[in-house]
Amino acid sequence: MGILDAILGPGGGVVSLVDDIIKRAWPDPAQQAQARLQLLDMQQRGELAELDADLKTRLAEIQVDDDEVKSESLFKSGWRPFVGWTCGFGVGYMMVARPFISWACDAFLHVPSPPAIDILVLQSILFGMLGLATARTVEKVKGAQ
């Protein structure tokens, strides 16, 4: 069973996914009927096909990411840890090591301070990776594969 099958379920498609969400979100049968009517209206207008195509594209991207992570090749599965460690070392350098090195250069060695790294670029990459890692940790805690 692939990721697509696990997410979309046996019925497949956005309609069955949204129908399951409707059943869980609104316990009242009248509210469920109203939500299903809106779903059918969206389906008739073609908006649902657009959402379905977007969902399938995103799920295909997830499958590619999953395949990369499972790969034995460092060029496929090793780039994420490499980027994470690089960002971590860069942030550590800028936040911890560089201030002490700059202080020592100015106070004792009388040489120019070491170069700075653009911390905004490092933070945006690192925070993005940490956000994704947090989402995966939540999935693991909930027992998702």
N, C-alpha and C. Protein backbone atom coordinates (compact mmCIF):
# COMPACT_ATOMS: atom_id res chain seq x y z
N MET A 1 0.85 -1.17 0.00
CA MET A 1 0.00 0.00 0.00
C MET A 1 0.89 1.23 0.00
N GLY A 2 0.69 2.11 -0.97
CA GLY A 2 1.49 3.31 -1.07
C GLY A 2 0.91 4.44 -0.23
N ILE A 3 1.59 5.56 -0.23
CA ILE A 3 1.14 6.71 0.53
C ILE A 3 -0.19 7.21 -0.01
N LEU A 4 -0.33 7.22 -1.35
CA LEU A 4 -1.58 7.69 -1.95
C LEU A 4 -2.75 6.85 -1.47
N ASP A 5 -2.60 5.53 -1.46
CA ASP A 5 -3.68 4.65 -1.03
C ASP A 5 -4.00 4.86 0.45
N ALA A 6 -2.97 5.08 1.24
CA ALA A 6 -3.19 5.26 2.68
C ALA A 6 -3.95 6.54 2.97
N ILE A 7 -3.65 7.60 2.21
CA ILE A 7 -4.29 8.89 2.46
C ILE A 7 -5.69 8.93 1.86
N LEU A 8 -5.82 8.46 0.62
CA LEU A 8 -7.10 8.55 -0.06
C LEU A 8 -8.08 7.45 0.34
N GLY A 9 -7.57 6.36 0.87
CA GLY A 9 -8.44 5.28 1.30
C GLY A 9 -8.93 4.43 0.15
N PRO A 10 -9.77 3.45 0.43
CA PRO A 10 -10.21 2.53 -0.60
C PRO A 10 -11.07 3.18 -1.67
N GLY A 11 -11.85 4.22 -1.33
CA GLY A 11 -12.69 4.88 -2.32
C GLY A 11 -11.88 5.75 -3.26
N GLY A 12 -10.79 6.31 -2.76
CA GLY A 12 -9.93 7.15 -3.56
C GLY A 12 -10.57 8.49 -3.84
N GLY A 13 -9.75 9.45 -4.20
CA GLY A 13 -10.24 10.75 -4.64
C GLY A 13 -10.57 11.68 -3.50
N VAL A 14 -10.76 12.93 -3.89
CA VAL A 14 -11.04 13.98 -2.92
C VAL A 14 -12.46 13.84 -2.35
N VAL A 15 -13.39 13.35 -3.17
CA VAL A 15 -14.78 13.26 -2.71
C VAL A 15 -14.89 12.37 -1.49
N SER A 16 -14.28 11.18 -1.52
CA SER A 16 -14.37 10.29 -0.36
C SER A 16 -13.61 10.85 0.83
N LEU A 17 -12.50 11.52 0.56
CA LEU A 17 -11.73 12.13 1.64
C LEU A 17 -12.55 13.22 2.33
N VAL A 18 -13.17 14.09 1.53
CA VAL A 18 -13.97 15.17 2.09
C VAL A 18 -15.21 14.62 2.78
N ASP A 19 -15.80 13.55 2.22
CA ASP A 19 -16.97 12.94 2.85
C ASP A 19 -16.62 12.40 4.24
N ASP A 20 -15.44 11.78 4.36
CA ASP A 20 -15.00 11.30 5.67
C ASP A 20 -14.81 12.47 6.65
N ILE A 21 -14.27 13.56 6.14
CA ILE A 21 -14.06 14.75 6.98
C ILE A 21 -15.41 15.31 7.42
N ILE A 22 -16.39 15.32 6.51
CA ILE A 22 -17.72 15.82 6.85
C ILE A 22 -18.34 14.99 7.96
N LYS A 23 -18.21 13.66 7.86
CA LYS A 23 -18.78 12.78 8.88
C LYS A 23 -18.17 13.03 10.26
N ARG A 24 -16.86 13.33 10.27
CA ARG A 24 -16.19 13.54 11.56
C ARG A 24 -16.41 14.94 12.11
N ALA A 25 -16.53 15.93 11.20
CA ALA A 25 -16.63 17.33 11.64
C ALA A 25 -18.02 17.69 12.13
N TRP A 26 -19.07 17.14 11.49
CA TRP A 26 -20.43 17.49 11.85
C TRP A 26 -21.20 16.24 12.28
N PRO A 27 -21.42 16.07 13.56
CA PRO A 27 -22.16 14.89 14.01
C PRO A 27 -23.66 14.99 13.67
N ASP A 28 -24.18 16.19 13.51
CA ASP A 28 -25.59 16.39 13.20
C ASP A 28 -25.87 16.02 11.74
N PRO A 29 -26.81 15.11 11.47
CA PRO A 29 -27.11 14.71 10.09
C PRO A 29 -27.56 15.86 9.19
N ALA A 30 -28.24 16.86 9.74
CA ALA A 30 -28.67 18.01 8.93
C ALA A 30 -27.46 18.81 8.47
N GLN A 31 -26.49 19.00 9.36
CA GLN A 31 -25.28 19.72 8.99
C GLN A 31 -24.46 18.93 7.97
N GLN A 32 -24.43 17.60 8.12
CA GLN A 32 -23.74 16.75 7.15
C GLN A 32 -24.37 16.88 5.78
N ALA A 33 -25.70 16.88 5.74
CA ALA A 33 -26.40 17.01 4.47
C ALA A 33 -26.09 18.35 3.81
N GLN A 34 -26.05 19.42 4.60
CA GLN A 34 -25.73 20.74 4.06
C GLN A 34 -24.31 20.76 3.52
N ALA A 35 -23.37 20.18 4.24
CA ALA A 35 -21.98 20.15 3.78
C ALA A 35 -21.85 19.30 2.52
N ARG A 36 -22.57 18.19 2.44
CA ARG A 36 -22.53 17.36 1.24
C ARG A 36 -23.13 18.09 0.04
N LEU A 37 -24.16 18.88 0.28
CA LEU A 37 -24.75 19.68 -0.79
C LEU A 37 -23.75 20.69 -1.33
N GLN A 38 -23.01 21.33 -0.44
CA GLN A 38 -21.96 22.26 -0.87
C GLN A 38 -20.86 21.52 -1.63
N LEU A 39 -20.54 20.31 -1.20
CA LEU A 39 -19.54 19.50 -1.88
C LEU A 39 -19.98 19.17 -3.30
N LEU A 40 -21.24 18.77 -3.44
CA LEU A 40 -21.77 18.47 -4.77
C LEU A 40 -21.79 19.70 -5.66
N ASP A 41 -22.12 20.86 -5.07
CA ASP A 41 -22.11 22.11 -5.83
C ASP A 41 -20.70 22.42 -6.33
N MET A 42 -19.72 22.23 -5.46
CA MET A 42 -18.32 22.44 -5.88
C MET A 42 -17.93 21.47 -6.99
N GLN A 43 -18.38 20.23 -6.85
CA GLN A 43 -18.05 19.21 -7.85
C GLN A 43 -18.64 19.59 -9.20
N GLN A 44 -19.87 20.10 -9.21
CA GLN A 44 -20.51 20.48 -10.46
C GLN A 44 -19.83 21.68 -11.09
N ARG A 45 -19.33 22.59 -10.28
CA ARG A 45 -18.66 23.77 -10.83
C ARG A 45 -17.24 23.48 -11.28
N GLY A 46 -16.73 22.30 -10.99
CA GLY A 46 -15.39 21.93 -11.43
C GLY A 46 -14.29 22.28 -10.44
N GLU A 47 -14.66 22.90 -9.34
CA GLU A 47 -13.65 23.27 -8.35
C GLU A 47 -13.04 22.02 -7.71
N LEU A 48 -13.85 20.99 -7.57
CA LEU A 48 -13.37 19.78 -6.94
C LEU A 48 -12.30 19.10 -7.79
N ALA A 49 -12.46 19.15 -9.11
CA ALA A 49 -11.44 18.56 -9.99
C ALA A 49 -10.11 19.27 -9.81
N GLU A 50 -10.19 20.58 -9.64
CA GLU A 50 -8.97 21.37 -9.42
C GLU A 50 -8.31 20.99 -8.09
N LEU A 51 -9.13 20.85 -7.05
CA LEU A 51 -8.61 20.43 -5.75
C LEU A 51 -8.04 19.02 -5.81
N ASP A 52 -8.71 18.14 -6.55
CA ASP A 52 -8.25 16.76 -6.70
C ASP A 52 -6.89 16.72 -7.39
N ALA A 53 -6.74 17.52 -8.46
CA ALA A 53 -5.46 17.56 -9.17
C ALA A 53 -4.35 18.09 -8.27
N ASP A 54 -4.66 19.12 -7.48
CA ASP A 54 -3.68 19.68 -6.56
C ASP A 54 -3.29 18.67 -5.49
N LEU A 55 -4.28 17.95 -4.96
CA LEU A 55 -4.01 16.93 -3.95
C LEU A 55 -3.12 15.82 -4.52
N LYS A 56 -3.43 15.36 -5.71
CA LYS A 56 -2.64 14.29 -6.33
C LYS A 56 -1.21 14.74 -6.59
N THR A 57 -1.03 16.01 -6.98
CA THR A 57 0.32 16.53 -7.20
C THR A 57 1.10 16.55 -5.89
N ARG A 58 0.48 17.02 -4.84
CA ARG A 58 1.16 17.08 -3.53
C ARG A 58 1.49 15.69 -3.00
N LEU A 59 0.57 14.75 -3.20
CA LEU A 59 0.83 13.39 -2.74
C LEU A 59 1.94 12.73 -3.54
N ALA A 60 2.03 13.05 -4.83
CA ALA A 60 3.13 12.53 -5.63
C ALA A 60 4.47 13.09 -5.15
N GLU A 61 4.48 14.36 -4.76
CA GLU A 61 5.70 14.96 -4.22
C GLU A 61 6.09 14.29 -2.91
N ILE A 62 5.12 13.97 -2.08
CA ILE A 62 5.39 13.27 -0.83
C ILE A 62 5.99 11.90 -1.11
N GLN A 63 5.46 11.21 -2.13
CA GLN A 63 5.97 9.89 -2.48
C GLN A 63 7.42 9.97 -2.95
N VAL A 64 7.75 11.01 -3.73
CA VAL A 64 9.13 11.20 -4.17
C VAL A 64 10.04 11.44 -2.98
N ASP A 65 9.59 12.30 -2.05
CA ASP A 65 10.37 12.55 -0.83
C ASP A 65 10.58 11.28 -0.03
N ASP A 66 9.53 10.47 0.07
CA ASP A 66 9.60 9.21 0.80
C ASP A 66 10.61 8.26 0.15
N ASP A 67 10.59 8.20 -1.18
CA ASP A 67 11.53 7.34 -1.90
C ASP A 67 12.97 7.82 -1.72
N GLU A 68 13.17 9.15 -1.70
CA GLU A 68 14.51 9.70 -1.49
C GLU A 68 15.04 9.33 -0.12
N VAL A 69 14.21 9.42 0.88
CA VAL A 69 14.63 9.13 2.25
C VAL A 69 15.03 7.67 2.40
N LYS A 70 14.32 6.77 1.73
CA LYS A 70 14.59 5.34 1.83
C LYS A 70 15.79 4.90 0.99
N SER A 71 16.31 5.76 0.14
CA SER A 71 17.40 5.40 -0.76
C SER A 71 18.69 5.13 0.01
N GLU A 72 19.49 4.20 -0.50
CA GLU A 72 20.79 3.88 0.10
C GLU A 72 21.87 4.88 -0.34
N SER A 73 21.62 5.60 -1.43
CA SER A 73 22.60 6.54 -1.96
C SER A 73 22.64 7.81 -1.12
N LEU A 74 23.84 8.25 -0.75
CA LEU A 74 23.98 9.49 0.01
C LEU A 74 23.57 10.71 -0.80
N PHE A 75 23.65 10.63 -2.13
CA PHE A 75 23.27 11.76 -2.95
C PHE A 75 21.76 11.96 -2.96
N LYS A 76 21.00 10.92 -2.61
CA LYS A 76 19.54 11.06 -2.55
C LYS A 76 19.06 11.23 -1.13
N SER A 77 19.52 10.40 -0.22
CA SER A 77 19.00 10.45 1.15
C SER A 77 19.85 11.30 2.07
N GLY A 78 21.05 11.65 1.68
CA GLY A 78 21.95 12.36 2.58
C GLY A 78 21.92 13.86 2.48
N TRP A 79 21.20 14.40 1.49
CA TRP A 79 21.24 15.86 1.33
C TRP A 79 20.47 16.57 2.44
N ARG A 80 19.39 15.99 2.92
CA ARG A 80 18.63 16.65 3.99
C ARG A 80 19.44 16.74 5.28
N PRO A 81 20.05 15.63 5.75
CA PRO A 81 20.88 15.76 6.95
C PRO A 81 22.06 16.72 6.74
N PHE A 82 22.64 16.69 5.54
CA PHE A 82 23.76 17.59 5.25
C PHE A 82 23.32 19.05 5.38
N VAL A 83 22.17 19.39 4.81
CA VAL A 83 21.68 20.76 4.90
C VAL A 83 21.35 21.10 6.35
N GLY A 84 20.76 20.17 7.07
CA GLY A 84 20.45 20.40 8.48
C GLY A 84 21.69 20.65 9.32
N TRP A 85 22.71 19.80 9.16
CA TRP A 85 23.94 19.98 9.92
C TRP A 85 24.66 21.26 9.50
N THR A 86 24.66 21.58 8.21
CA THR A 86 25.31 22.80 7.74
C THR A 86 24.63 24.03 8.35
N CYS A 87 23.30 24.05 8.33
CA CYS A 87 22.58 25.17 8.93
C CYS A 87 22.82 25.23 10.43
N GLY A 88 22.82 24.08 11.08
CA GLY A 88 23.07 24.05 12.52
C GLY A 88 24.44 24.58 12.88
N PHE A 89 25.46 24.15 12.14
CA PHE A 89 26.81 24.66 12.39
C PHE A 89 26.90 26.15 12.09
N GLY A 90 26.23 26.60 11.00
CA GLY A 90 26.25 28.02 10.65
C GLY A 90 25.61 28.88 11.72
N VAL A 91 24.46 28.43 12.23
CA VAL A 91 23.78 29.18 13.30
C VAL A 91 24.63 29.14 14.57
N GLY A 92 25.22 28.00 14.89
CA GLY A 92 26.09 27.91 16.06
C GLY A 92 27.30 28.83 15.95
N TYR A 93 27.86 28.89 14.75
CA TYR A 93 29.00 29.78 14.51
C TYR A 93 28.61 31.24 14.73
N MET A 94 27.47 31.62 14.13
CA MET A 94 27.06 33.02 14.21
C MET A 94 26.58 33.42 15.60
N MET A 95 25.94 32.51 16.32
CA MET A 95 25.34 32.87 17.59
C MET A 95 26.27 32.64 18.79
N VAL A 96 27.18 31.66 18.67
CA VAL A 96 28.01 31.32 19.82
C VAL A 96 29.49 31.60 19.54
N ALA A 97 30.02 30.99 18.51
CA ALA A 97 31.47 31.04 18.29
C ALA A 97 31.94 32.41 17.80
N ARG A 98 31.27 33.00 16.82
CA ARG A 98 31.76 34.24 16.22
C ARG A 98 31.85 35.40 17.22
N PRO A 99 30.87 35.59 18.11
CA PRO A 99 31.04 36.68 19.08
C PRO A 99 32.29 36.53 19.95
N PHE A 100 32.60 35.30 20.38
CA PHE A 100 33.81 35.09 21.19
C PHE A 100 35.07 35.26 20.36
N ILE A 101 35.05 34.76 19.13
CA ILE A 101 36.22 34.90 18.26
C ILE A 101 36.45 36.38 17.94
N SER A 102 35.36 37.12 17.65
CA SER A 102 35.49 38.56 17.36
C SER A 102 36.03 39.31 18.57
N TRP A 103 35.53 38.95 19.75
CA TRP A 103 36.02 39.59 20.96
C TRP A 103 37.52 39.31 21.15
N ALA A 104 37.94 38.07 20.95
CA ALA A 104 39.35 37.72 21.11
C ALA A 104 40.20 38.42 20.06
N CYS A 105 39.69 38.51 18.83
CA CYS A 105 40.45 39.20 17.77
C CYS A 105 40.65 40.67 18.10
N ASP A 106 39.61 41.31 18.63
CA ASP A 106 39.70 42.73 18.97
C ASP A 106 40.53 42.97 20.23
N ALA A 107 40.35 42.14 21.24
CA ALA A 107 40.97 42.39 22.54
C ALA A 107 42.43 41.96 22.60
N PHE A 108 42.75 40.83 22.01
CA PHE A 108 44.09 40.27 22.22
C PHE A 108 44.93 40.19 20.95
N LEU A 109 44.32 39.79 19.86
CA LEU A 109 45.10 39.50 18.65
C LEU A 109 45.26 40.71 17.73
N HIS A 110 44.38 41.68 17.84
CA HIS A 110 44.40 42.89 17.03
C HIS A 110 44.42 42.56 15.54
N VAL A 111 43.54 41.63 15.16
CA VAL A 111 43.35 41.26 13.75
C VAL A 111 41.87 41.43 13.42
N PRO A 112 41.54 41.48 12.14
CA PRO A 112 40.13 41.65 11.77
C PRO A 112 39.28 40.47 12.27
N SER A 113 38.03 40.76 12.50
CA SER A 113 37.08 39.72 12.93
C SER A 113 36.79 38.76 11.78
N PRO A 114 36.41 37.53 12.11
CA PRO A 114 36.08 36.58 11.05
C PRO A 114 34.81 37.01 10.30
N PRO A 115 34.63 36.53 9.11
CA PRO A 115 33.47 36.96 8.32
C PRO A 115 32.14 36.48 8.91
N ALA A 116 31.11 37.23 8.60
CA ALA A 116 29.77 36.87 9.07
C ALA A 116 29.06 36.07 8.00
N ILE A 117 28.10 35.28 8.43
CA ILE A 117 27.24 34.52 7.53
C ILE A 117 25.87 35.16 7.59
N ASP A 118 25.17 35.20 6.46
CA ASP A 118 23.82 35.77 6.43
C ASP A 118 22.89 34.86 7.24
N ILE A 119 22.61 35.26 8.45
CA ILE A 119 21.84 34.43 9.37
C ILE A 119 20.39 34.27 8.94
N LEU A 120 19.85 35.23 8.20
CA LEU A 120 18.46 35.14 7.75
C LEU A 120 18.25 33.98 6.78
N VAL A 121 19.23 33.75 5.92
CA VAL A 121 19.13 32.63 4.98
C VAL A 121 19.20 31.32 5.75
N LEU A 122 20.14 31.22 6.68
CA LEU A 122 20.27 30.01 7.49
C LEU A 122 19.00 29.74 8.29
N GLN A 123 18.45 30.79 8.89
CA GLN A 123 17.25 30.61 9.71
C GLN A 123 16.06 30.18 8.87
N SER A 124 15.89 30.75 7.70
CA SER A 124 14.73 30.37 6.89
C SER A 124 14.82 28.91 6.47
N ILE A 125 16.01 28.44 6.11
CA ILE A 125 16.18 27.04 5.73
C ILE A 125 16.00 26.14 6.96
N LEU A 126 16.65 26.49 8.05
CA LEU A 126 16.59 25.67 9.26
C LEU A 126 15.19 25.62 9.86
N PHE A 127 14.49 26.75 9.91
CA PHE A 127 13.14 26.76 10.46
C PHE A 127 12.19 25.95 9.59
N GLY A 128 12.38 26.03 8.27
CA GLY A 128 11.57 25.20 7.37
C GLY A 128 11.80 23.73 7.63
N MET A 129 13.06 23.34 7.79
CA MET A 129 13.37 21.94 8.05
C MET A 129 12.86 21.51 9.42
N LEU A 130 12.98 22.38 10.41
CA LEU A 130 12.50 22.03 11.75
C LEU A 130 10.99 21.92 11.77
N GLY A 131 10.32 22.75 11.02
CA GLY A 131 8.86 22.65 10.93
C GLY A 131 8.44 21.33 10.33
N LEU A 132 9.13 20.91 9.26
CA LEU A 132 8.82 19.63 8.65
C LEU A 132 9.16 18.48 9.58
N ALA A 133 10.26 18.62 10.30
CA ALA A 133 10.65 17.57 11.24
C ALA A 133 9.64 17.48 12.37
N THR A 134 9.11 18.60 12.81
CA THR A 134 8.10 18.59 13.86
C THR A 134 6.85 17.89 13.38
N ALA A 135 6.44 18.17 12.13
CA ALA A 135 5.26 17.51 11.57
C ALA A 135 5.48 16.00 11.51
N ARG A 136 6.66 15.58 11.14
CA ARG A 136 6.95 14.14 11.06
C ARG A 136 6.97 13.52 12.45
N THR A 137 7.48 14.25 13.44
CA THR A 137 7.47 13.75 14.81
C THR A 137 6.04 13.56 15.30
N VAL A 138 5.17 14.50 14.98
CA VAL A 138 3.77 14.37 15.35
C VAL A 138 3.17 13.14 14.69
N GLU A 139 3.50 12.92 13.40
CA GLU A 139 3.00 11.73 12.71
C GLU A 139 3.48 10.46 13.39
N LYS A 140 4.75 10.42 13.80
CA LYS A 140 5.29 9.24 14.46
C LYS A 140 4.61 9.00 15.80
N VAL A 141 4.35 10.06 16.55
CA VAL A 141 3.69 9.93 17.84
C VAL A 141 2.29 9.37 17.67
N LYS A 142 1.61 9.81 16.60
CA LYS A 142 0.24 9.33 16.34
C LYS A 142 0.22 7.96 15.69
N GLY A 143 1.39 7.44 15.31
CA GLY A 143 1.46 6.10 14.75
C GLY A 143 1.31 6.04 13.24
N ALA A 144 1.46 7.16 12.53
CA ALA A 144 1.35 7.15 11.07
C ALA A 144 2.61 6.57 10.47
N GLN A 145 2.47 5.89 9.36
CA GLN A 145 3.62 5.31 8.68
C GLN A 145 4.27 6.31 7.75
